[in-house]
N, C-alpha and C. Protein backbone atom coordinates (compact mmCIF):
# COMPACT_ATOMS: atom_id res chain seq x y z
N UNK A 1 0.84 -1.17 0.00
CA UNK A 1 0.00 0.00 0.00
C UNK A 1 0.89 1.24 0.00
N UNK A 2 0.53 2.20 -0.83
CA UNK A 2 1.32 3.43 -0.95
C UNK A 2 1.10 4.32 0.26
N UNK A 3 2.16 4.98 0.66
CA UNK A 3 2.08 5.92 1.77
C UNK A 3 1.68 7.29 1.21
N UNK A 4 0.68 7.92 1.85
CA UNK A 4 0.22 9.23 1.40
C UNK A 4 0.27 10.21 2.56
N UNK A 5 0.46 11.46 2.23
CA UNK A 5 0.49 12.52 3.24
C UNK A 5 -0.18 13.76 2.66
N UNK A 6 -0.72 14.55 3.52
CA UNK A 6 -1.32 15.82 3.11
C UNK A 6 -0.20 16.82 2.87
N UNK A 7 -0.29 17.52 1.76
CA UNK A 7 0.66 18.58 1.46
C UNK A 7 -0.09 19.90 1.43
N UNK A 8 0.53 20.92 1.95
CA UNK A 8 -0.10 22.24 1.99
C UNK A 8 0.65 23.17 1.05
N UNK A 9 -0.09 23.70 0.09
CA UNK A 9 0.46 24.61 -0.90
C UNK A 9 -0.24 25.96 -0.74
N UNK A 10 0.51 27.05 -0.81
CA UNK A 10 -0.08 28.37 -0.69
C UNK A 10 0.21 29.17 -1.97
N UNK A 11 -0.78 30.00 -2.34
CA UNK A 11 -0.61 30.86 -3.50
C UNK A 11 -0.97 32.29 -3.12
N UNK A 12 -0.10 33.21 -3.43
CA UNK A 12 -0.38 34.62 -3.25
C UNK A 12 -0.85 35.14 -4.60
N UNK A 13 -2.13 35.47 -4.68
CA UNK A 13 -2.70 35.90 -5.95
C UNK A 13 -2.29 37.33 -6.28
N UNK A 14 -2.38 37.69 -7.54
CA UNK A 14 -2.08 39.08 -7.92
C UNK A 14 -3.14 40.02 -7.34
N UNK A 15 -2.78 41.29 -7.11
CA UNK A 15 -3.77 42.25 -6.62
C UNK A 15 -4.88 42.46 -7.65
N UNK A 16 -6.08 42.63 -7.16
CA UNK A 16 -7.21 42.89 -8.06
C UNK A 16 -7.14 44.34 -8.54
N UNK A 17 -7.93 44.65 -9.57
CA UNK A 17 -7.97 46.03 -10.06
C UNK A 17 -8.39 46.99 -8.96
N UNK A 18 -9.37 46.58 -8.18
CA UNK A 18 -9.85 47.44 -7.08
C UNK A 18 -8.76 47.69 -6.05
N UNK A 19 -8.03 46.66 -5.70
CA UNK A 19 -6.93 46.83 -4.75
C UNK A 19 -5.87 47.78 -5.30
N UNK A 20 -5.61 47.68 -6.59
CA UNK A 20 -4.65 48.58 -7.22
C UNK A 20 -5.17 50.02 -7.22
N UNK A 21 -6.45 50.18 -7.54
CA UNK A 21 -7.06 51.52 -7.54
C UNK A 21 -7.01 52.16 -6.16
N UNK A 22 -7.21 51.35 -5.12
CA UNK A 22 -7.19 51.85 -3.75
C UNK A 22 -5.77 52.10 -3.23
N UNK A 23 -4.78 51.66 -3.98
CA UNK A 23 -3.40 51.84 -3.56
C UNK A 23 -2.97 50.91 -2.45
N UNK A 24 -3.57 49.75 -2.39
CA UNK A 24 -3.22 48.77 -1.36
C UNK A 24 -1.77 48.34 -1.52
N UNK A 25 -1.09 48.19 -0.41
CA UNK A 25 0.30 47.75 -0.42
C UNK A 25 0.37 46.24 -0.50
N UNK A 26 1.40 45.74 -1.17
CA UNK A 26 1.65 44.30 -1.18
C UNK A 26 2.43 43.98 0.09
N UNK A 27 1.85 43.15 0.92
CA UNK A 27 2.48 42.81 2.20
C UNK A 27 2.88 41.34 2.29
N UNK A 28 2.55 40.56 1.27
CA UNK A 28 2.87 39.14 1.26
C UNK A 28 3.93 38.88 0.20
N UNK A 29 4.97 38.21 0.57
CA UNK A 29 6.05 37.83 -0.34
C UNK A 29 6.19 36.31 -0.31
N UNK A 30 6.51 35.73 -1.45
CA UNK A 30 6.71 34.28 -1.50
C UNK A 30 8.12 33.97 -2.00
N UNK A 31 8.67 32.90 -1.48
CA UNK A 31 9.93 32.35 -1.95
C UNK A 31 9.63 30.93 -2.40
N UNK A 32 9.35 30.79 -3.69
CA UNK A 32 8.92 29.50 -4.22
C UNK A 32 9.95 28.40 -4.00
N UNK A 33 11.21 28.72 -4.18
CA UNK A 33 12.26 27.69 -4.05
C UNK A 33 12.31 27.10 -2.65
N UNK A 34 11.93 27.89 -1.65
CA UNK A 34 11.96 27.43 -0.26
C UNK A 34 10.59 27.08 0.29
N UNK A 35 9.54 27.33 -0.49
CA UNK A 35 8.19 27.07 -0.01
C UNK A 35 7.81 28.00 1.14
N UNK A 36 8.33 29.20 1.09
CA UNK A 36 8.14 30.14 2.20
C UNK A 36 7.27 31.33 1.80
N UNK A 37 6.51 31.79 2.76
CA UNK A 37 5.64 32.95 2.60
C UNK A 37 5.90 33.86 3.79
N UNK A 38 6.11 35.15 3.53
CA UNK A 38 6.31 36.09 4.63
C UNK A 38 5.29 37.22 4.52
N UNK A 39 4.83 37.66 5.68
CA UNK A 39 3.81 38.70 5.74
C UNK A 39 4.34 39.85 6.59
N UNK A 40 4.38 41.03 5.97
CA UNK A 40 4.86 42.24 6.65
C UNK A 40 3.67 43.03 7.18
N UNK A 41 3.71 43.39 8.43
CA UNK A 41 2.67 44.23 9.02
C UNK A 41 2.91 45.65 8.52
N UNK A 42 1.98 46.22 7.73
CA UNK A 42 2.21 47.55 7.17
C UNK A 42 2.23 48.64 8.23
N UNK A 43 1.70 48.37 9.39
CA UNK A 43 1.70 49.36 10.48
C UNK A 43 2.94 49.25 11.35
N UNK A 44 3.75 48.24 11.10
CA UNK A 44 4.98 48.04 11.87
C UNK A 44 6.11 47.69 10.90
N UNK A 45 6.43 48.62 10.02
CA UNK A 45 7.42 48.37 8.97
C UNK A 45 8.80 48.04 9.54
N UNK A 46 9.10 48.49 10.74
CA UNK A 46 10.39 48.22 11.35
C UNK A 46 10.53 46.81 11.89
N UNK A 47 9.42 46.13 12.08
CA UNK A 47 9.46 44.76 12.60
C UNK A 47 9.75 43.77 11.47
N UNK A 48 10.42 42.66 11.79
CA UNK A 48 10.64 41.65 10.75
C UNK A 48 9.32 41.00 10.35
N UNK A 49 9.21 40.57 9.10
CA UNK A 49 7.96 39.92 8.67
C UNK A 49 7.79 38.56 9.35
N UNK A 50 6.56 38.14 9.49
CA UNK A 50 6.26 36.80 10.00
C UNK A 50 6.46 35.84 8.84
N UNK A 51 7.14 34.74 9.09
CA UNK A 51 7.44 33.78 8.04
C UNK A 51 6.76 32.44 8.31
N UNK A 52 6.27 31.85 7.23
CA UNK A 52 5.58 30.57 7.29
C UNK A 52 6.16 29.68 6.19
N UNK A 53 6.34 28.41 6.49
CA UNK A 53 6.88 27.47 5.52
C UNK A 53 5.82 26.43 5.18
N UNK A 54 5.69 26.15 3.89
CA UNK A 54 4.70 25.20 3.37
C UNK A 54 5.41 24.18 2.49
N UNK A 55 4.67 23.20 2.03
CA UNK A 55 5.23 22.22 1.09
C UNK A 55 5.48 22.88 -0.27
N UNK A 56 4.80 23.95 -0.53
CA UNK A 56 5.00 24.71 -1.76
C UNK A 56 4.43 26.10 -1.61
N UNK A 57 5.04 27.06 -2.27
CA UNK A 57 4.56 28.45 -2.23
C UNK A 57 4.65 29.02 -3.64
N UNK A 58 3.58 29.62 -4.07
CA UNK A 58 3.52 30.21 -5.41
C UNK A 58 3.16 31.68 -5.29
N UNK A 59 3.86 32.51 -6.02
CA UNK A 59 3.64 33.95 -5.97
C UNK A 59 2.78 34.45 -7.11
N UNK A 60 2.68 35.77 -7.18
CA UNK A 60 1.85 36.43 -8.19
C UNK A 60 2.32 36.12 -9.61
N UNK A 61 3.59 35.78 -9.76
CA UNK A 61 4.14 35.52 -11.09
C UNK A 61 3.75 34.15 -11.66
N UNK A 62 3.17 33.29 -10.83
CA UNK A 62 2.76 31.95 -11.27
C UNK A 62 1.32 31.97 -11.76
N UNK A 63 1.09 31.33 -12.89
CA UNK A 63 -0.27 31.25 -13.43
C UNK A 63 -1.03 30.08 -12.79
N UNK A 64 -2.34 30.17 -12.84
CA UNK A 64 -3.18 29.09 -12.33
C UNK A 64 -2.88 27.79 -13.07
N UNK A 65 -2.67 27.89 -14.37
CA UNK A 65 -2.36 26.70 -15.18
C UNK A 65 -1.05 26.06 -14.74
N UNK A 66 -0.04 26.87 -14.47
CA UNK A 66 1.24 26.34 -14.03
C UNK A 66 1.10 25.62 -12.69
N UNK A 67 0.37 26.22 -11.77
CA UNK A 67 0.17 25.60 -10.46
C UNK A 67 -0.59 24.29 -10.61
N UNK A 68 -1.64 24.29 -11.42
CA UNK A 68 -2.41 23.07 -11.65
C UNK A 68 -1.51 21.97 -12.22
N UNK A 69 -0.72 22.32 -13.23
CA UNK A 69 0.15 21.32 -13.88
C UNK A 69 1.18 20.74 -12.92
N UNK A 70 1.67 21.56 -12.01
CA UNK A 70 2.70 21.08 -11.08
C UNK A 70 2.13 20.37 -9.85
N UNK A 71 0.94 20.78 -9.40
CA UNK A 71 0.41 20.24 -8.15
C UNK A 71 -0.77 19.29 -8.36
N UNK A 72 -1.81 19.77 -9.01
CA UNK A 72 -3.05 18.98 -9.10
C UNK A 72 -2.99 17.89 -10.17
N UNK A 73 -2.44 18.18 -11.32
CA UNK A 73 -2.46 17.19 -12.40
C UNK A 73 -1.83 15.86 -12.00
N UNK A 74 -0.65 15.85 -11.37
CA UNK A 74 -0.09 14.55 -10.95
C UNK A 74 -1.01 13.78 -10.01
N UNK A 75 -1.74 14.48 -9.15
CA UNK A 75 -2.67 13.80 -8.24
C UNK A 75 -3.85 13.21 -9.00
N UNK A 76 -4.38 13.98 -9.91
CA UNK A 76 -5.52 13.51 -10.71
C UNK A 76 -5.09 12.33 -11.57
N UNK A 77 -3.91 12.41 -12.14
CA UNK A 77 -3.39 11.35 -13.00
C UNK A 77 -3.21 10.06 -12.21
N UNK A 78 -2.68 10.14 -11.00
CA UNK A 78 -2.43 8.95 -10.17
C UNK A 78 -3.74 8.34 -9.69
N UNK A 79 -4.64 9.17 -9.23
CA UNK A 79 -5.90 8.68 -8.68
C UNK A 79 -6.87 8.21 -9.75
N UNK A 80 -6.80 8.80 -10.92
CA UNK A 80 -7.68 8.40 -12.00
C UNK A 80 -9.11 8.87 -11.80
N UNK A 81 -9.95 8.53 -12.72
CA UNK A 81 -11.33 8.98 -12.71
C UNK A 81 -12.18 8.25 -11.66
N UNK A 82 -11.69 7.17 -11.08
CA UNK A 82 -12.48 6.39 -10.13
C UNK A 82 -12.55 7.02 -8.74
N UNK A 83 -11.74 8.02 -8.49
CA UNK A 83 -11.72 8.64 -7.17
C UNK A 83 -13.03 9.35 -6.89
N UNK A 84 -13.51 9.22 -5.67
CA UNK A 84 -14.76 9.89 -5.29
C UNK A 84 -14.49 11.22 -4.60
N UNK A 85 -13.23 11.51 -4.31
CA UNK A 85 -12.88 12.74 -3.61
C UNK A 85 -11.80 13.47 -4.38
N UNK A 86 -12.10 14.66 -4.91
CA UNK A 86 -11.06 15.38 -5.65
C UNK A 86 -9.93 15.81 -4.71
N UNK A 87 -8.70 16.00 -5.24
CA UNK A 87 -7.56 16.33 -4.39
C UNK A 87 -7.70 17.68 -3.69
N UNK A 88 -8.59 18.53 -4.16
CA UNK A 88 -8.76 19.85 -3.56
C UNK A 88 -9.97 19.91 -2.64
N UNK A 89 -10.52 18.78 -2.27
CA UNK A 89 -11.69 18.75 -1.40
C UNK A 89 -11.39 19.47 -0.09
N UNK A 90 -12.27 20.34 0.30
CA UNK A 90 -12.10 21.06 1.54
C UNK A 90 -11.31 22.35 1.41
N UNK A 91 -10.61 22.51 0.29
CA UNK A 91 -9.83 23.74 0.11
C UNK A 91 -10.77 24.90 -0.18
N UNK A 92 -10.50 26.01 0.46
CA UNK A 92 -11.33 27.20 0.26
C UNK A 92 -10.43 28.38 -0.04
N UNK A 93 -10.86 29.27 -0.91
CA UNK A 93 -10.08 30.48 -1.13
C UNK A 93 -10.04 31.31 0.15
N UNK A 94 -9.00 32.04 0.32
CA UNK A 94 -8.84 32.83 1.54
C UNK A 94 -9.53 34.17 1.43
N UNK A 95 -10.75 34.18 0.95
CA UNK A 95 -11.48 35.42 0.74
C UNK A 95 -11.61 36.26 1.99
N UNK A 96 -11.84 35.62 3.11
CA UNK A 96 -11.98 36.37 4.36
C UNK A 96 -10.68 37.02 4.79
N UNK A 97 -9.57 36.39 4.44
CA UNK A 97 -8.27 36.90 4.88
C UNK A 97 -7.77 38.04 4.01
N UNK A 98 -8.37 38.24 2.85
CA UNK A 98 -7.86 39.26 1.94
C UNK A 98 -7.81 40.62 2.58
N UNK A 99 -8.84 40.99 3.34
CA UNK A 99 -8.85 42.28 4.02
C UNK A 99 -7.78 42.36 5.10
N UNK A 100 -7.50 41.24 5.73
CA UNK A 100 -6.52 41.21 6.80
C UNK A 100 -5.12 41.49 6.28
N UNK A 101 -4.79 40.95 5.12
CA UNK A 101 -3.44 41.07 4.59
C UNK A 101 -3.32 42.06 3.44
N UNK A 102 -4.33 42.89 3.23
CA UNK A 102 -4.29 43.80 2.10
C UNK A 102 -3.39 45.00 2.32
N UNK A 103 -3.01 45.26 3.56
CA UNK A 103 -2.13 46.38 3.83
C UNK A 103 -2.88 47.67 4.07
N UNK A 104 -4.19 47.61 4.21
CA UNK A 104 -4.98 48.81 4.48
C UNK A 104 -5.61 48.71 5.85
């Protein structure tokens, strides 16, 4: 029997047009090679950013297609069409957190 583990991947999406119009600061940085994400508190610029490490981290420069091809496609290919649970089951966009990390 194959050994399986949950992997956590994070993606920092590009700013929306509205966020750009409002002049929101980018406070999230990703280091894809290290799977690291750092968040800078815009009200405490002198403090070091909080850093989090994941199994993978994708920044604004990565397309949805690229992320799918690297992360989801291999899972779908291995599991095949017989799987009753998609690999992204339970995953939710961080819509609620967008205001928290928008820098405003």
